[in-house]
PDB file of N, CA and C in Angstrom:
ATOM      1  N   MET A   1       6.978 -16.753  22.536  1.00  0.00           N
ATOM      2  CA  MET A   1       6.242 -15.543  22.812  1.00  0.00           C
ATOM      3  C   MET A   1       5.273 -15.757  23.975  1.00  0.00           C
ATOM      4  N   THR A   2       4.624 -16.904  24.000  1.00  0.00           N
ATOM      5  CA  THR A   2       3.637 -17.126  25.049  1.00  0.00           C
ATOM      6  C   THR A   2       4.298 -17.215  26.423  1.00  0.00           C
ATOM      7  N   ASN A   3       5.491 -17.790  26.486  1.00  0.00           N
ATOM      8  CA  ASN A   3       6.182 -17.872  27.771  1.00  0.00           C
ATOM      9  C   ASN A   3       6.564 -16.491  28.280  1.00  0.00           C
ATOM     10  N   GLU A   4       6.963 -15.612  27.377  1.00  0.00           N
ATOM     11  CA  GLU A   4       7.310 -14.256  27.790  1.00  0.00           C
ATOM     12  C   GLU A   4       6.082 -13.527  28.332  1.00  0.00           C
ATOM     13  N   LEU A   5       4.931 -13.714  27.665  1.00  0.00           N
ATOM     14  CA  LEU A   5       3.711 -13.074  28.150  1.00  0.00           C
ATOM     15  C   LEU A   5       3.292 -13.641  29.508  1.00  0.00           C
ATOM     16  N   ARG A   6       3.473 -14.936  29.698  1.00  0.00           N
ATOM     17  CA  ARG A   6       3.147 -15.544  30.998  1.00  0.00           C
ATOM     18  C   ARG A   6       4.050 -15.006  32.096  1.00  0.00           C
ATOM     19  N   ASN A   7       5.317 -14.732  31.768  1.00  0.00           N
ATOM     20  CA  ASN A   7       6.237 -14.167  32.755  1.00  0.00           C
ATOM     21  C   ASN A   7       5.793 -12.779  33.207  1.00  0.00           C
ATOM     22  N   TYR A   8       5.109 -12.060  32.313  1.00  0.00           N
ATOM     23  CA  TYR A   8       4.611 -10.730  32.670  1.00  0.00           C
ATOM     24  C   TYR A   8       3.254 -10.779  33.367  1.00  0.00           C
ATOM     25  N   GLY A   9       2.698 -11.965  33.546  1.00  0.00           N
ATOM     26  CA  GLY A   9       1.463 -12.111  34.285  1.00  0.00           C
ATOM     27  C   GLY A   9       0.207 -12.014  33.448  1.00  0.00           C
ATOM     28  N   VAL A  10       0.305 -12.184  32.139  1.00  0.00           N
ATOM     29  CA  VAL A  10      -0.864 -12.151  31.267  1.00  0.00           C
ATOM     30  C   VAL A  10      -1.604 -13.474  31.397  1.00  0.00           C
ATOM     31  N   GLN A  11      -2.920 -13.416  31.482  1.00  0.00           N
ATOM     32  CA  GLN A  11      -3.715 -14.624  31.662  1.00  0.00           C
ATOM     33  C   GLN A  11      -3.703 -15.475  30.395  1.00  0.00           C
ATOM     34  N   SER A  12      -3.931 -16.771  30.569  1.00  0.00           N
ATOM     35  CA  SER A  12      -3.848 -17.698  29.441  1.00  0.00           C
ATOM     36  C   SER A  12      -4.944 -17.442  28.407  1.00  0.00           C
ATOM     37  N   GLY A  13      -6.120 -16.987  28.835  1.00  0.00           N
ATOM     38  CA  GLY A  13      -7.193 -16.674  27.894  1.00  0.00           C
ATOM     39  C   GLY A  13      -6.821 -15.522  26.973  1.00  0.00           C
ATOM     40  N   GLU A  14      -6.161 -14.519  27.533  1.00  0.00           N
ATOM     41  CA  GLU A  14      -5.730 -13.382  26.713  1.00  0.00           C
ATOM     42  C   GLU A  14      -4.617 -13.782  25.750  1.00  0.00           C
ATOM     43  N   ILE A  15      -3.732 -14.659  26.197  1.00  0.00           N
ATOM     44  CA  ILE A  15      -2.661 -15.144  25.323  1.00  0.00           C
ATOM     45  C   ILE A  15      -3.256 -15.935  24.169  1.00  0.00           C
ATOM     46  N   SER A  16      -4.251 -16.777  24.461  1.00  0.00           N
ATOM     47  CA  SER A  16      -4.896 -17.569  23.420  1.00  0.00           C
ATOM     48  C   SER A  16      -5.601 -16.660  22.415  1.00  0.00           C
ATOM     49  N   ARG A  17      -6.286 -15.635  22.905  1.00  0.00           N
ATOM     50  CA  ARG A  17      -6.991 -14.699  22.017  1.00  0.00           C
ATOM     51  C   ARG A  17      -6.001 -13.945  21.134  1.00  0.00           C
ATOM     52  N   ALA A  18      -4.888 -13.499  21.706  1.00  0.00           N
ATOM     53  CA  ALA A  18      -3.861 -12.797  20.915  1.00  0.00           C
ATOM     54  C   ALA A  18      -3.277 -13.718  19.853  1.00  0.00           C
ATOM     55  N   SER A  19      -3.073 -14.987  20.222  1.00  0.00           N
ATOM     56  CA  SER A  19      -2.553 -15.954  19.256  1.00  0.00           C
ATOM     57  C   SER A  19      -3.533 -16.171  18.110  1.00  0.00           C
ATOM     58  N   GLN A  20      -4.825 -16.214  18.416  1.00  0.00           N
ATOM     59  CA  GLN A  20      -5.839 -16.365  17.372  1.00  0.00           C
ATOM     60  C   GLN A  20      -5.841 -15.161  16.436  1.00  0.00           C
ATOM     61  N   TYR A  21      -5.736 -13.947  17.001  1.00  0.00           N
ATOM     62  CA  TYR A  21      -5.714 -12.740  16.166  1.00  0.00           C
ATOM     63  C   TYR A  21      -4.506 -12.729  15.240  1.00  0.00           C
ATOM     64  N   VAL A  22      -3.350 -13.105  15.778  1.00  0.00           N
ATOM     65  CA  VAL A  22      -2.135 -13.140  14.954  1.00  0.00           C
ATOM     66  C   VAL A  22      -2.289 -14.171  13.840  1.00  0.00           C
ATOM     67  N   SER A  23      -2.853 -15.315  14.173  1.00  0.00           N
ATOM     68  CA  SER A  23      -3.063 -16.353  13.160  1.00  0.00           C
ATOM     69  C   SER A  23      -4.008 -15.876  12.065  1.00  0.00           C
ATOM     70  N   LYS A  24      -5.095 -15.216  12.450  1.00  0.00           N
ATOM     71  CA  LYS A  24      -6.042 -14.702  11.453  1.00  0.00           C
ATOM     72  C   LYS A  24      -5.409 -13.619  10.585  1.00  0.00           C
ATOM     73  N   MET A  25      -4.581 -12.766  11.188  1.00  0.00           N
ATOM     74  CA  MET A  25      -3.915 -11.725  10.402  1.00  0.00           C
ATOM     75  C   MET A  25      -2.954 -12.332   9.392  1.00  0.00           C
ATOM     76  N   ILE A  26      -2.234 -13.371   9.785  1.00  0.00           N
ATOM     77  CA  ILE A  26      -1.289 -14.025   8.871  1.00  0.00           C
ATOM     78  C   ILE A  26      -2.032 -14.662   7.707  1.00  0.00           C
ATOM     79  N   ILE A  27      -3.137 -15.339   8.004  1.00  0.00           N
ATOM     80  CA  ILE A  27      -3.924 -15.987   6.942  1.00  0.00           C
ATOM     81  C   ILE A  27      -4.497 -14.944   5.988  1.00  0.00           C
ATOM     82  N   THR A  28      -5.045 -13.846   6.527  1.00  0.00           N
ATOM     83  CA  THR A  28      -5.623 -12.797   5.687  1.00  0.00           C
ATOM     84  C   THR A  28      -4.557 -12.122   4.828  1.00  0.00           C
ATOM     85  N   PHE A  29      -3.399 -11.846   5.418  1.00  0.00           N
ATOM     86  CA  PHE A  29      -2.314 -11.232   4.652  1.00  0.00           C
ATOM     87  C   PHE A  29      -1.860 -12.149   3.526  1.00  0.00           C
ATOM     88  N   ASP A  30      -1.756 -13.437   3.808  1.00  0.00           N
ATOM     89  CA  ASP A  30      -1.353 -14.394   2.791  1.00  0.00           C
ATOM     90  C   ASP A  30      -2.377 -14.454   1.659  1.00  0.00           C
ATOM     91  N   ASN A  31      -3.663 -14.429   2.005  1.00  0.00           N
ATOM     92  CA  ASN A  31      -4.711 -14.410   0.975  1.00  0.00           C
ATOM     93  C   ASN A  31      -4.640 -13.149   0.121  1.00  0.00           C
ATOM     94  N   MET A  32      -4.397 -12.003   0.740  1.00  0.00           N
ATOM     95  CA  MET A  32      -4.281 -10.754  -0.019  1.00  0.00           C
ATOM     96  C   MET A  32      -3.093 -10.807  -0.964  1.00  0.00           C
ATOM     97  N   LYS A  33      -1.986 -11.372  -0.492  1.00  0.00           N
ATOM     98  CA  LYS A  33      -0.793 -11.474  -1.327  1.00  0.00           C
ATOM     99  C   LYS A  33      -1.038 -12.394  -2.524  1.00  0.00           C
ATOM    100  N   ILE A  34      -1.749 -13.496  -2.290  1.00  0.00           N
ATOM    101  CA  ILE A  34      -2.048 -14.427  -3.374  1.00  0.00           C
ATOM    102  C   ILE A  34      -2.960 -13.769  -4.405  1.00  0.00           C
ATOM    103  N   ILE A  35      -3.993 -13.075  -3.943  1.00  0.00           N
ATOM    104  CA  ILE A  35      -4.908 -12.404  -4.871  1.00  0.00           C
ATOM    105  C   ILE A  35      -4.175 -11.334  -5.664  1.00  0.00           C
ATOM    106  N   HIS A  36      -3.310 -10.583  -5.009  1.00  0.00           N
ATOM    107  CA  HIS A  36      -2.553  -9.528  -5.692  1.00  0.00           C
ATOM    108  C   HIS A  36      -1.670 -10.112  -6.792  1.00  0.00           C
ATOM    109  N   ASN A  37      -0.968 -11.176  -6.484  1.00  0.00           N
ATOM    110  CA  ASN A  37      -0.067 -11.776  -7.468  1.00  0.00           C
ATOM    111  C   ASN A  37      -0.812 -12.533  -8.554  1.00  0.00           C
ATOM    112  N   TYR A  38      -1.969 -13.088  -8.237  1.00  0.00           N
ATOM    113  CA  TYR A  38      -2.688 -13.923  -9.198  1.00  0.00           C
ATOM    114  C   TYR A  38      -3.524 -13.097 -10.162  1.00  0.00           C
ATOM    115  N   ARG A  39      -4.174 -12.081  -9.686  1.00  0.00           N
ATOM    116  CA  ARG A  39      -5.147 -11.360 -10.498  1.00  0.00           C
ATOM    117  C   ARG A  39      -4.539 -10.271 -11.380  1.00  0.00           C
ATOM    118  N   THR A  40      -3.370  -9.780 -11.047  1.00  0.00           N
ATOM    119  CA  THR A  40      -2.776  -8.700 -11.811  1.00  0.00           C
ATOM    120  C   THR A  40      -1.565  -9.218 -12.584  1.00  0.00           C
ATOM    121  N   PRO A  41      -1.588  -9.117 -13.911  1.00  0.00           N
ATOM    122  CA  PRO A  41      -0.422  -9.555 -14.686  1.00  0.00           C
ATOM    123  C   PRO A  41       0.806  -8.702 -14.362  1.00  0.00           C
ATOM    124  N   ILE A  42       1.958  -9.316 -14.425  1.00  0.00           N
ATOM    125  CA  ILE A  42       3.201  -8.626 -14.077  1.00  0.00           C
ATOM    126  C   ILE A  42       3.453  -7.458 -15.021  1.00  0.00           C
ATOM    127  N   THR A  43       3.169  -7.630 -16.303  1.00  0.00           N
ATOM    128  CA  THR A  43       3.428  -6.542 -17.252  1.00  0.00           C
ATOM    129  C   THR A  43       2.541  -5.337 -16.973  1.00  0.00           C
ATOM    130  N   LEU A  44       1.284  -5.570 -16.611  1.00  0.00           N
ATOM    131  CA  LEU A  44       0.396  -4.455 -16.288  1.00  0.00           C
ATOM    132  C   LEU A  44       0.852  -3.752 -15.019  1.00  0.00           C
ATOM    133  N   ARG A  45       1.271  -4.507 -14.034  1.00  0.00           N
ATOM    134  CA  ARG A  45       1.753  -3.921 -12.788  1.00  0.00           C
ATOM    135  C   ARG A  45       3.007  -3.086 -13.040  1.00  0.00           C
ATOM    136  N   THR A  46       3.916  -3.591 -13.863  1.00  0.00           N
ATOM    137  CA  THR A  46       5.145  -2.862 -14.183  1.00  0.00           C
ATOM    138  C   THR A  46       4.840  -1.603 -14.976  1.00  0.00           C
ATOM    139  N   TYR A  47       3.956  -1.702 -15.972  1.00  0.00           N
ATOM    140  CA  TYR A  47       3.581  -0.532 -16.748  1.00  0.00           C
ATOM    141  C   TYR A  47       2.954   0.530 -15.857  1.00  0.00           C
ATOM    142  N   SER A  48       2.120   0.121 -14.934  1.00  0.00           N
ATOM    143  CA  SER A  48       1.473   1.079 -14.036  1.00  0.00           C
ATOM    144  C   SER A  48       2.503   1.811 -13.189  1.00  0.00           C
ATOM    145  N   LYS A  49       3.460   1.070 -12.648  1.00  0.00           N
ATOM    146  CA  LYS A  49       4.489   1.708 -11.827  1.00  0.00           C
ATOM    147  C   LYS A  49       5.320   2.678 -12.651  1.00  0.00           C
ATOM    148  N   VAL A  50       5.707   2.270 -13.843  1.00  0.00           N
ATOM    149  CA  VAL A  50       6.500   3.154 -14.706  1.00  0.00           C
ATOM    150  C   VAL A  50       5.695   4.390 -15.064  1.00  0.00           C
ATOM    151  N   PHE A  51       4.438   4.206 -15.427  1.00  0.00           N
ATOM    152  CA  PHE A  51       3.608   5.334 -15.814  1.00  0.00           C
ATOM    153  C   PHE A  51       3.410   6.295 -14.648  1.00  0.00           C
ATOM    154  N   ILE A  52       3.165   5.772 -13.470  1.00  0.00           N
ATOM    155  CA  ILE A  52       2.925   6.630 -12.308  1.00  0.00           C
ATOM    156  C   ILE A  52       4.167   7.441 -11.965  1.00  0.00           C
ATOM    157  N   TYR A  53       5.334   6.810 -11.960  1.00  0.00           N
ATOM    158  CA  TYR A  53       6.543   7.520 -11.537  1.00  0.00           C
ATOM    159  C   TYR A  53       7.178   8.336 -12.655  1.00  0.00           C
ATOM    160  N   ILE A  54       7.295   7.792 -13.837  1.00  0.00           N
ATOM    161  CA  ILE A  54       7.984   8.479 -14.925  1.00  0.00           C
ATOM    162  C   ILE A  54       7.118   9.602 -15.504  1.00  0.00           C
ATOM    163  N   PHE A  55       5.816   9.396 -15.631  1.00  0.00           N
ATOM    164  CA  PHE A  55       4.946  10.418 -16.202  1.00  0.00           C
ATOM    165  C   PHE A  55       4.981  11.697 -15.380  1.00  0.00           C
ATOM    166  N   GLN A  56       5.020  11.554 -14.077  1.00  0.00           N
ATOM    167  CA  GLN A  56       5.084  12.743 -13.231  1.00  0.00           C
ATOM    168  C   GLN A  56       6.386  13.497 -13.435  1.00  0.00           C
ATOM    169  N   LEU A  57       7.470  12.768 -13.558  1.00  0.00           N
ATOM    170  CA  LEU A  57       8.757  13.436 -13.761  1.00  0.00           C
ATOM    171  C   LEU A  57       8.857  14.064 -15.147  1.00  0.00           C
ATOM    172  N   SER A  58       8.301  13.409 -16.143  1.00  0.00           N
ATOM    173  CA  SER A  58       8.428  13.922 -17.501  1.00  0.00           C
ATOM    174  C   SER A  58       7.530  15.126 -17.744  1.00  0.00           C
ATOM    175  N   THR A  59       6.429  15.263 -17.021  1.00  0.00           N
ATOM    176  CA  THR A  59       5.525  16.386 -17.235  1.00  0.00           C
ATOM    177  C   THR A  59       5.634  17.449 -16.151  1.00  0.00           C
ATOM    178  N   ALA A  60       6.549  17.299 -15.230  1.00  0.00           N
ATOM    179  CA  ALA A  60       6.662  18.252 -14.131  1.00  0.00           C
ATOM    180  C   ALA A  60       7.043  19.653 -14.626  1.00  0.00           C
ATOM    181  N   HIS A  61       7.822  19.730 -15.670  1.00  0.00           N
ATOM    182  CA  HIS A  61       8.231  21.040 -16.171  1.00  0.00           C
ATOM    183  C   HIS A  61       7.196  21.632 -17.133  1.00  0.00           C
ATOM    184  N   ILE A  62       6.279  20.847 -17.648  1.00  0.00           N
ATOM    185  CA  ILE A  62       5.286  21.334 -18.616  1.00  0.00           C
ATOM    186  C   ILE A  62       4.027  21.838 -17.925  1.00  0.00           C
ATOM    187  N   LEU A  63       3.484  21.080 -17.006  1.00  0.00           N
ATOM    188  CA  LEU A  63       2.194  21.416 -16.401  1.00  0.00           C
ATOM    189  C   LEU A  63       2.180  22.736 -15.636  1.00  0.00           C
ATOM    190  N   PRO A  64       3.168  23.045 -14.814  1.00  0.00           N
ATOM    191  CA  PRO A  64       3.094  24.334 -14.112  1.00  0.00           C
ATOM    192  C   PRO A  64       3.078  25.523 -15.069  1.00  0.00           C
ATOM    193  N   ALA A  65       3.803  25.434 -16.155  1.00  0.00           N
ATOM    194  CA  ALA A  65       3.809  26.537 -17.123  1.00  0.00           C
ATOM    195  C   ALA A  65       2.437  26.700 -17.762  1.00  0.00           C
ATOM    196  N   GLN A  66       1.758  25.612 -18.065  1.00  0.00           N
ATOM    197  CA  GLN A  66       0.424  25.699 -18.655  1.00  0.00           C
ATOM    198  C   GLN A  66      -0.576  26.284 -17.675  1.00  0.00           C
ATOM    199  N   TRP A  67      -0.469  25.943 -16.416  1.00  0.00           N
ATOM    200  CA  TRP A  67      -1.418  26.467 -15.431  1.00  0.00           C
ATOM    201  C   TRP A  67      -1.220  27.964 -15.220  1.00  0.00           C
ATOM    202  N   VAL A  68      -0.037  28.482 -15.489  1.00  0.00           N
ATOM    203  CA  VAL A  68       0.202  29.920 -15.366  1.00  0.00           C
ATOM    204  C   VAL A  68      -0.274  30.641 -16.618  1.00  0.00           C
ATOM    205  N   ILE A  69      -0.064  30.068 -17.788  1.00  0.00           N
ATOM    206  CA  ILE A  69      -0.410  30.723 -19.045  1.00  0.00           C
ATOM    207  C   ILE A  69      -1.922  30.797 -19.243  1.00  0.00           C
ATOM    208  N   ILE A  70      -2.655  29.771 -18.875  1.00  0.00           N
ATOM    209  CA  ILE A  70      -4.101  29.745 -19.110  1.00  0.00           C
ATOM    210  C   ILE A  70      -4.820  30.898 -18.402  1.00  0.00           C
ATOM    211  N   PRO A  71      -4.580  31.166 -17.114  1.00  0.00           N
ATOM    212  CA  PRO A  71      -5.270  32.308 -16.493  1.00  0.00           C
ATOM    213  C   PRO A  71      -4.878  33.646 -17.108  1.00  0.00           C
ATOM    214  N   LEU A  72      -3.633  33.774 -17.558  1.00  0.00           N
ATOM    215  CA  LEU A  72      -3.217  35.019 -18.172  1.00  0.00           C
ATOM    216  C   LEU A  72      -3.964  35.265 -19.485  1.00  0.00           C
ATOM    217  N   ARG A  73      -4.220  34.216 -20.243  1.00  0.00           N
ATOM    218  CA  ARG A  73      -4.953  34.365 -21.492  1.00  0.00           C
ATOM    219  C   ARG A  73      -6.418  34.697 -21.225  1.00  0.00           C
ATOM    220  N   LEU A  74      -6.990  34.196 -20.180  1.00  0.00           N
ATOM    221  CA  LEU A  74      -8.391  34.471 -19.870  1.00  0.00           C
ATOM    222  C   LEU A  74      -8.598  35.921 -19.434  1.00  0.00           C
ATOM    223  N   ASN A  75      -7.614  36.524 -18.822  1.00  0.00           N
ATOM    224  CA  ASN A  75      -7.740  37.914 -18.371  1.00  0.00           C
ATOM    225  C   ASN A  75      -7.585  38.909 -19.495  1.00  0.00           C
ATOM    226  N   MET A  76      -7.010  38.536 -20.591  1.00  0.00           N
ATOM    227  CA  MET A  76      -6.789  39.469 -21.691  1.00  0.00           C
ATOM    228  C   MET A  76      -8.036  39.691 -22.413  1.00  0.00           C
TER     229      MET A  76
END
């Protein structure tokens, strides 16, 4: 990568700075991934995903009907 940037005329100081930023981003991303995998149990993560996706699908036909019926009852 650095040779390609040098071919385009980028100065060595800018290449070094870009390399440092990429290195810091990789280290930070790796730390975030470790914290995510370490702190959250797999079963809790799986339950959360199932609850978020399945609950919406299972209640999609119930909730809109309730939101329509409630205002009609209040007007009577």
